[in-house]
Structures are given as structure tokens and as C-alpha cells.
């Protein structure tokens, strides 16, 4: 019995070590922005407060998108999100924020069916096919960037740029390790073209 406990303890320590190392690699990769010209940008949704305003986390993503837009890295933005438990369409709230801060309404496309990163990737690919575009600039939290980039590639998008806002919070300690598991699940997930109406 003692030997079995020792083996289980070693296995646990090894698994924990792998999780910590993998999370560190993922975080470092996500913190490294890959800035460059792209045909279109994709800002991924997050929580909208009960007031109808973007959460601080989502606001940070949107502010980063505005900064990159103003720098001329892209001219069109896809605001992608679903309807959260608060009852708001994230994509609509995101679009309103972007247009209120200087991005022309005609330059912001809404993807209200971006309930997951998987959905957003497939929907973005469909929109890009309709417009004959080949490169996308993804904006999200640093720990979410590696999975987002993987999702874009798996969806069939050839060139992917990325950047994250300098925004950190306590929940990152939970979100980052979870993202590692999500990343590996996307490695083996089947990606098929999504059907999205032409914008």
C-alpha cells in the first residue's frame, strides 16, 4: 500500500509539474505580440456587465483594438461574441463601444454567434472567404492568444497576427491553466466550415 501511495504521489507531482510548465510556456507565447498588417481584425468577446457596459476585461480588449486600428494595422474589425447570462449581445455591445471611440460603423462587422473561440474562428473564416481575405489580426487576453491562433489556423486561415492588452487580474491564475487544457482539446477537434450570412 505504501508503494502504491508513493507511485501515485510521484504521478501527481509529475502531472502538476507538467501543468505548471505548460502553462508558463503558453503564457509566454501569449505575451509575445505578433503585430503586422492584416486584412481584417477579430476581437473576441467577454463578459458584459449588468449595466450593459463592457467588463474591464472586455474594455481592455476593445481599447487595444482601437489602438491597433488607429495605428493602421487593419481597417475592418469583426466583433465576435454570444449572448451572456446577463442577457446582452456581446457583439453588439462591442460594436457600439468601437464606433463610439472612432471606428466607423461600416468598418465594424458583428458576429453574434461567436459563443466560443471555436465558433468565432469558423465564423471569421466564412466572413473572410466571402470577402476574399487571407489574413486576420486576433485580439484577446494573453493566455487566450495561443488557443485563438490555433483555432484560426485549424479553421483554414493562412496568416494570423495577434496582440493582447496589458490587463491582468487575479482570475488569470485560474484561466491560464484552464487554457492549456483548452489548447490541447483544439489540437484534436474537428473544424468544419460554418455558415454565416454575408455581412
C-alpha atoms as a PDB file:
ATOM      1  CA  UNK A   1       0.000   0.000   0.000  1.00  0.00           C
ATOM      2  CA  UNK A   2       2.848   2.359   0.877  1.00  0.00           C
ATOM      3  CA  UNK A   3       4.451   1.702  -2.509  1.00  0.00           C
ATOM      4  CA  UNK A   4       1.198   2.444  -4.345  1.00  0.00           C
ATOM      5  CA  UNK A   5       0.835   5.738  -2.453  1.00  0.00           C
ATOM      6  CA  UNK A   6       4.390   6.653  -3.385  1.00  0.00           C
ATOM      7  CA  UNK A   7       3.751   5.925  -7.071  1.00  0.00           C
ATOM      8  CA  UNK A   8       0.532   7.950  -7.012  1.00  0.00           C
ATOM      9  CA  UNK A   9       2.299  10.858  -5.300  1.00  0.00           C
ATOM     10  CA  UNK A  10       5.051  10.843  -7.917  1.00  0.00           C
ATOM     11  CA  UNK A  11       2.484  10.733 -10.703  1.00  0.00           C
ATOM     12  CA  UNK A  12       0.627  13.656  -9.157  1.00  0.00           C
ATOM     13  CA  UNK A  13       3.806  15.706  -8.771  1.00  0.00           C
ATOM     14  CA  UNK A  14       4.801  14.928 -12.374  1.00  0.00           C
ATOM     15  CA  UNK A  15       1.361  15.903 -13.675  1.00  0.00           C
ATOM     16  CA  UNK A  16       1.381  19.113 -11.636  1.00  0.00           C
ATOM     17  CA  UNK A  17       4.860  19.950 -12.899  1.00  0.00           C
ATOM     18  CA  UNK A  18       3.764  19.383 -16.498  1.00  0.00           C
ATOM     19  CA  UNK A  19       0.730  21.617 -15.956  1.00  0.00           C
ATOM     20  CA  UNK A  20       2.838  24.421 -14.475  1.00  0.00           C
ATOM     21  CA  UNK A  21       5.498  24.179 -17.204  1.00  0.00           C
ATOM     22  CA  UNK A  22       2.901  24.000 -19.973  1.00  0.00           C
ATOM     23  CA  UNK A  23       1.027  26.981 -18.556  1.00  0.00           C
ATOM     24  CA  UNK A  24       4.247  29.002 -18.351  1.00  0.00           C
ATOM     25  CA  UNK A  25       5.065  28.242 -21.998  1.00  0.00           C
ATOM     26  CA  UNK A  26       1.509  29.181 -23.025  1.00  0.00           C
ATOM     27  CA  UNK A  27       1.612  32.455 -21.069  1.00  0.00           C
ATOM     28  CA  UNK A  28       4.995  33.466 -22.508  1.00  0.00           C
ATOM     29  CA  UNK A  29       3.765  32.710 -26.025  1.00  0.00           C
ATOM     30  CA  UNK A  30       0.612  34.754 -25.449  1.00  0.00           C
ATOM     31  CA  UNK A  31       2.525  37.742 -24.081  1.00  0.00           C
ATOM     32  CA  UNK A  32       4.577  37.934 -27.285  1.00  0.00           C
ATOM     33  CA  UNK A  33       2.598  40.130 -29.678  1.00  0.00           C
ATOM     34  CA  UNK A  34       2.826  39.388 -33.398  1.00  0.00           C
ATOM     35  CA  UNK A  35       1.962  42.776 -34.856  1.00  0.00           C
ATOM     36  CA  UNK A  36       1.684  43.291 -38.592  1.00  0.00           C
ATOM     37  CA  UNK A  37      -0.668  44.318 -41.386  1.00  0.00           C
ATOM     38  CA  UNK A  38      -3.808  42.197 -41.717  1.00  0.00           C
ATOM     39  CA  UNK A  39      -6.857  42.234 -43.966  1.00  0.00           C
ATOM     40  CA  UNK A  40      -9.245  42.163 -41.022  1.00  0.00           C
ATOM     41  CA  UNK A  41      -9.192  42.057 -37.209  1.00  0.00           C
ATOM     42  CA  UNK A  42     -11.095  39.820 -34.818  1.00  0.00           C
ATOM     43  CA  UNK A  43     -11.718  40.949 -31.249  1.00  0.00           C
ATOM     44  CA  UNK A  44     -13.083  38.147 -29.111  1.00  0.00           C
ATOM     45  CA  UNK A  45     -15.933  38.734 -26.695  1.00  0.00           C
ATOM     46  CA  UNK A  46     -16.071  38.531 -22.928  1.00  0.00           C
ATOM     47  CA  UNK A  47     -18.424  39.494 -20.109  1.00  0.00           C
ATOM     48  CA  UNK A  48     -20.803  42.430 -20.396  1.00  0.00           C
ATOM     49  CA  UNK A  49     -21.843  43.913 -17.049  1.00  0.00           C
ATOM     50  CA  UNK A  50     -25.483  44.103 -15.904  1.00  0.00           C
ATOM     51  CA  UNK A  51     -25.316  47.813 -16.721  1.00  0.00           C
ATOM     52  CA  UNK A  52     -24.804  46.891 -20.378  1.00  0.00           C
ATOM     53  CA  UNK A  53     -21.240  48.194 -20.360  1.00  0.00           C
ATOM     54  CA  UNK A  54     -18.198  46.070 -21.275  1.00  0.00           C
ATOM     55  CA  UNK A  55     -16.440  44.475 -18.301  1.00  0.00           C
ATOM     56  CA  UNK A  56     -12.931  45.788 -17.582  1.00  0.00           C
ATOM     57  CA  UNK A  57     -11.513  42.715 -19.302  1.00  0.00           C
ATOM     58  CA  UNK A  58     -13.576  43.254 -22.448  1.00  0.00           C
ATOM     59  CA  UNK A  59     -12.920  47.001 -22.399  1.00  0.00           C
ATOM     60  CA  UNK A  60      -9.183  46.282 -22.360  1.00  0.00           C
ATOM     61  CA  UNK A  61      -9.553  44.140 -25.497  1.00  0.00           C
ATOM     62  CA  UNK A  62     -11.596  46.816 -27.225  1.00  0.00           C
ATOM     63  CA  UNK A  63      -9.175  49.603 -26.281  1.00  0.00           C
ATOM     64  CA  UNK A  64      -6.313  47.521 -27.677  1.00  0.00           C
ATOM     65  CA  UNK A  65      -8.293  47.019 -30.887  1.00  0.00           C
ATOM     66  CA  UNK A  66      -8.842  50.780 -31.190  1.00  0.00           C
ATOM     67  CA  UNK A  67      -5.144  51.419 -30.595  1.00  0.00           C
ATOM     68  CA  UNK A  68      -4.143  48.961 -33.325  1.00  0.00           C
ATOM     69  CA  UNK A  69      -6.798  50.294 -35.715  1.00  0.00           C
ATOM     70  CA  UNK A  70      -5.548  53.846 -35.237  1.00  0.00           C
ATOM     71  CA  UNK A  71      -2.001  52.642 -35.897  1.00  0.00           C
ATOM     72  CA  UNK A  72      -3.180  51.388 -39.297  1.00  0.00           C
ATOM     73  CA  UNK A  73      -2.638  47.651 -38.857  1.00  0.00           C
ATOM     74  CA  UNK A  74      -6.124  46.869 -40.204  1.00  0.00           C
ATOM     75  CA  UNK A  75      -9.203  48.744 -41.434  1.00  0.00           C
ATOM     76  CA  UNK A  76     -12.073  46.371 -40.646  1.00  0.00           C
ATOM     77  CA  UNK A  77     -12.947  44.691 -37.326  1.00  0.00           C
ATOM     78  CA  UNK A  78     -15.124  41.686 -36.511  1.00  0.00           C
ATOM     79  CA  UNK A  79     -16.693  41.959 -33.044  1.00  0.00           C
ATOM     80  CA  UNK A  80     -17.401  38.355 -32.084  1.00  0.00           C
ATOM     81  CA  UNK A  81     -19.356  37.150 -29.056  1.00  0.00           C
ATOM     82  CA  UNK A  82     -22.524  35.493 -27.892  1.00  0.00           C
ATOM     83  CA  UNK A  83     -25.361  36.396 -25.549  1.00  0.00           C
ATOM     84  CA  UNK A  84     -24.126  36.040 -21.971  1.00  0.00           C
ATOM     85  CA  UNK A  85     -26.127  35.192 -18.879  1.00  0.00           C
ATOM     86  CA  UNK A  86     -26.544  38.928 -18.323  1.00  0.00           C
ATOM     87  CA  UNK A  87     -28.739  38.966 -21.439  1.00  0.00           C
ATOM     88  CA  UNK A  88     -26.656  41.227 -23.670  1.00  0.00           C
ATOM     89  CA  UNK A  89     -25.378  40.506 -27.176  1.00  0.00           C
ATOM     90  CA  UNK A  90     -21.626  40.873 -26.657  1.00  0.00           C
ATOM     91  CA  UNK A  91     -21.010  41.600 -30.339  1.00  0.00           C
ATOM     92  CA  UNK A  92     -23.495  44.473 -30.307  1.00  0.00           C
ATOM     93  CA  UNK A  93     -22.043  45.990 -27.133  1.00  0.00           C
ATOM     94  CA  UNK A  94     -18.553  45.666 -28.595  1.00  0.00           C
ATOM     95  CA  UNK A  95     -19.569  47.281 -31.877  1.00  0.00           C
ATOM     96  CA  UNK A  96     -21.196  50.205 -30.055  1.00  0.00           C
ATOM     97  CA  UNK A  97     -18.053  50.744 -27.963  1.00  0.00           C
ATOM     98  CA  UNK A  98     -15.759  50.623 -31.003  1.00  0.00           C
ATOM     99  CA  UNK A  99     -17.899  53.034 -33.012  1.00  0.00           C
ATOM    100  CA  UNK A 100     -18.243  55.387 -30.036  1.00  0.00           C
ATOM    101  CA  UNK A 101     -14.447  55.552 -29.938  1.00  0.00           C
ATOM    102  CA  UNK A 102     -13.812  56.475 -33.530  1.00  0.00           C
ATOM    103  CA  UNK A 103     -14.067  53.369 -35.697  1.00  0.00           C
ATOM    104  CA  UNK A 104     -16.659  53.954 -38.440  1.00  0.00           C
ATOM    105  CA  UNK A 105     -19.752  51.772 -38.109  1.00  0.00           C
ATOM    106  CA  UNK A 106     -19.294  50.447 -41.640  1.00  0.00           C
ATOM    107  CA  UNK A 107     -15.873  49.155 -40.587  1.00  0.00           C
ATOM    108  CA  UNK A 108     -17.214  47.005 -37.732  1.00  0.00           C
ATOM    109  CA  UNK A 109     -18.828  43.657 -38.533  1.00  0.00           C
ATOM    110  CA  UNK A 110     -20.836  41.763 -35.917  1.00  0.00           C
ATOM    111  CA  UNK A 111     -20.623  38.033 -35.268  1.00  0.00           C
ATOM    112  CA  UNK A 112     -23.317  37.393 -32.673  1.00  0.00           C
ATOM    113  CA  UNK A 113     -22.810  33.630 -32.920  1.00  0.00           C
ATOM    114  CA  UNK A 114     -19.287  33.660 -31.529  1.00  0.00           C
ATOM    115  CA  UNK A 115     -20.244  31.747 -28.394  1.00  0.00           C
ATOM    116  CA  UNK A 116     -16.862  30.022 -28.229  1.00  0.00           C
ATOM    117  CA  UNK A 117     -13.405  30.541 -29.709  1.00  0.00           C
ATOM    118  CA  UNK A 118     -14.193  27.570 -31.962  1.00  0.00           C
ATOM    119  CA  UNK A 119     -17.337  29.304 -33.269  1.00  0.00           C
ATOM    120  CA  UNK A 120     -15.563  32.638 -33.725  1.00  0.00           C
ATOM    121  CA  UNK A 121     -12.782  31.011 -35.744  1.00  0.00           C
ATOM    122  CA  UNK A 122     -15.162  29.259 -38.099  1.00  0.00           C
ATOM    123  CA  UNK A 123     -17.392  32.314 -38.482  1.00  0.00           C
ATOM    124  CA  UNK A 124     -14.376  34.533 -39.162  1.00  0.00           C
ATOM    125  CA  UNK A 125     -13.121  32.119 -41.808  1.00  0.00           C
ATOM    126  CA  UNK A 126     -16.509  32.222 -43.508  1.00  0.00           C
ATOM    127  CA  UNK A 127     -16.613  36.028 -43.484  1.00  0.00           C
ATOM    128  CA  UNK A 128     -13.078  36.161 -44.875  1.00  0.00           C
ATOM    129  CA  UNK A 129     -13.947  33.744 -47.658  1.00  0.00           C
ATOM    130  CA  UNK A 130     -16.922  35.900 -48.624  1.00  0.00           C
ATOM    131  CA  UNK A 131     -14.621  38.934 -48.856  1.00  0.00           C
ATOM    132  CA  UNK A 132     -11.652  37.125 -50.416  1.00  0.00           C
ATOM    133  CA  UNK A 133      -9.378  37.942 -47.445  1.00  0.00           C
ATOM    134  CA  UNK A 134      -6.413  35.896 -46.261  1.00  0.00           C
ATOM    135  CA  UNK A 135      -5.046  37.411 -43.029  1.00  0.00           C
ATOM    136  CA  UNK A 136      -6.563  38.130 -39.624  1.00  0.00           C
ATOM    137  CA  UNK A 137      -5.377  40.042 -36.541  1.00  0.00           C
ATOM    138  CA  UNK A 138      -6.702  38.458 -33.317  1.00  0.00           C
ATOM    139  CA  UNK A 139      -7.111  40.466 -30.102  1.00  0.00           C
ATOM    140  CA  UNK A 140      -7.806  38.747 -26.774  1.00  0.00           C
ATOM    141  CA  UNK A 141      -6.237  38.141 -23.338  1.00  0.00           C
ATOM    142  CA  UNK A 142      -2.613  36.985 -23.383  1.00  0.00           C
ATOM    143  CA  UNK A 143      -3.402  33.485 -22.074  1.00  0.00           C
ATOM    144  CA  UNK A 144      -6.151  33.099 -24.685  1.00  0.00           C
ATOM    145  CA  UNK A 145      -3.982  34.090 -27.661  1.00  0.00           C
ATOM    146  CA  UNK A 146      -2.303  30.679 -28.307  1.00  0.00           C
ATOM    147  CA  UNK A 147      -5.643  28.830 -28.475  1.00  0.00           C
ATOM    148  CA  UNK A 148      -7.155  31.626 -30.558  1.00  0.00           C
ATOM    149  CA  UNK A 149      -4.294  31.467 -33.048  1.00  0.00           C
ATOM    150  CA  UNK A 150      -4.572  27.684 -33.193  1.00  0.00           C
ATOM    151  CA  UNK A 151      -8.316  27.923 -33.810  1.00  0.00           C
ATOM    152  CA  UNK A 152      -7.784  30.360 -36.696  1.00  0.00           C
ATOM    153  CA  UNK A 153      -5.186  28.097 -38.297  1.00  0.00           C
ATOM    154  CA  UNK A 154      -7.337  24.993 -37.832  1.00  0.00           C
ATOM    155  CA  UNK A 155     -10.287  26.845 -39.377  1.00  0.00           C
ATOM    156  CA  UNK A 156      -8.238  27.406 -42.527  1.00  0.00           C
ATOM    157  CA  UNK A 157      -6.909  30.965 -42.126  1.00  0.00           C
ATOM    158  CA  UNK A 158      -3.403  31.130 -43.575  1.00  0.00           C
ATOM    159  CA  UNK A 159      -1.959  34.197 -41.860  1.00  0.00           C
ATOM    160  CA  UNK A 160      -2.692  35.100 -38.234  1.00  0.00           C
ATOM    161  CA  UNK A 161      -1.413  38.144 -36.340  1.00  0.00           C
ATOM    162  CA  UNK A 162      -2.159  38.714 -32.664  1.00  0.00           C
ATOM    163  CA  UNK A 163      -1.875  41.058 -29.710  1.00  0.00           C
ATOM    164  CA  UNK A 164      -3.215  41.316 -26.171  1.00  0.00           C
ATOM    165  CA  UNK A 165      -3.919  44.249 -23.853  1.00  0.00           C
ATOM    166  CA  UNK A 166      -1.753  44.869 -20.815  1.00  0.00           C
ATOM    167  CA  UNK A 167      -4.523  43.787 -18.485  1.00  0.00           C
ATOM    168  CA  UNK A 168      -4.064  41.330 -15.640  1.00  0.00           C
ATOM    169  CA  UNK A 169      -6.380  40.158 -12.870  1.00  0.00           C
ATOM    170  CA  UNK A 170      -6.428  37.553 -10.095  1.00  0.00           C
ATOM    171  CA  UNK A 171      -8.638  35.172 -12.080  1.00  0.00           C
ATOM    172  CA  UNK A 172      -5.773  34.744 -14.579  1.00  0.00           C
ATOM    173  CA  UNK A 173      -4.302  32.256 -12.093  1.00  0.00           C
ATOM    174  CA  UNK A 174      -7.265  30.019 -12.885  1.00  0.00           C
ATOM    175  CA  UNK A 175      -7.828  30.983 -16.505  1.00  0.00           C
ATOM    176  CA  UNK A 176      -4.268  30.353 -17.715  1.00  0.00           C
ATOM    177  CA  UNK A 177      -4.013  26.669 -16.643  1.00  0.00           C
ATOM    178  CA  UNK A 178      -7.514  26.045 -17.990  1.00  0.00           C
ATOM    179  CA  UNK A 179      -6.431  27.481 -21.346  1.00  0.00           C
ATOM    180  CA  UNK A 180      -3.676  24.870 -21.556  1.00  0.00           C
ATOM    181  CA  UNK A 181      -6.277  22.124 -21.444  1.00  0.00           C
ATOM    182  CA  UNK A 182      -8.371  24.008 -23.976  1.00  0.00           C
ATOM    183  CA  UNK A 183      -5.391  24.339 -26.295  1.00  0.00           C
ATOM    184  CA  UNK A 184      -4.808  20.592 -26.383  1.00  0.00           C
ATOM    185  CA  UNK A 185      -8.503  19.919 -26.947  1.00  0.00           C
ATOM    186  CA  UNK A 186      -8.363  22.155 -30.047  1.00  0.00           C
ATOM    187  CA  UNK A 187      -5.439  20.185 -31.418  1.00  0.00           C
ATOM    188  CA  UNK A 188      -7.727  17.205 -31.897  1.00  0.00           C
ATOM    189  CA  UNK A 189     -11.062  18.919 -32.519  1.00  0.00           C
ATOM    190  CA  UNK A 190     -12.646  18.720 -35.959  1.00  0.00           C
ATOM    191  CA  UNK A 191     -13.052  22.092 -37.670  1.00  0.00           C
ATOM    192  CA  UNK A 192     -15.667  22.407 -40.394  1.00  0.00           C
ATOM    193  CA  UNK A 193     -16.768  25.491 -42.364  1.00  0.00           C
ATOM    194  CA  UNK A 194     -19.529  27.462 -40.666  1.00  0.00           C
ATOM    195  CA  UNK A 195     -22.435  29.091 -42.455  1.00  0.00           C
ATOM    196  CA  UNK A 196     -22.611  32.818 -41.806  1.00  0.00           C
ATOM    197  CA  UNK A 197     -24.764  35.301 -43.766  1.00  0.00           C
ATOM    198  CA  UNK A 198     -22.791  37.740 -45.877  1.00  0.00           C
ATOM    199  CA  UNK A 199     -22.203  40.971 -43.894  1.00  0.00           C
END
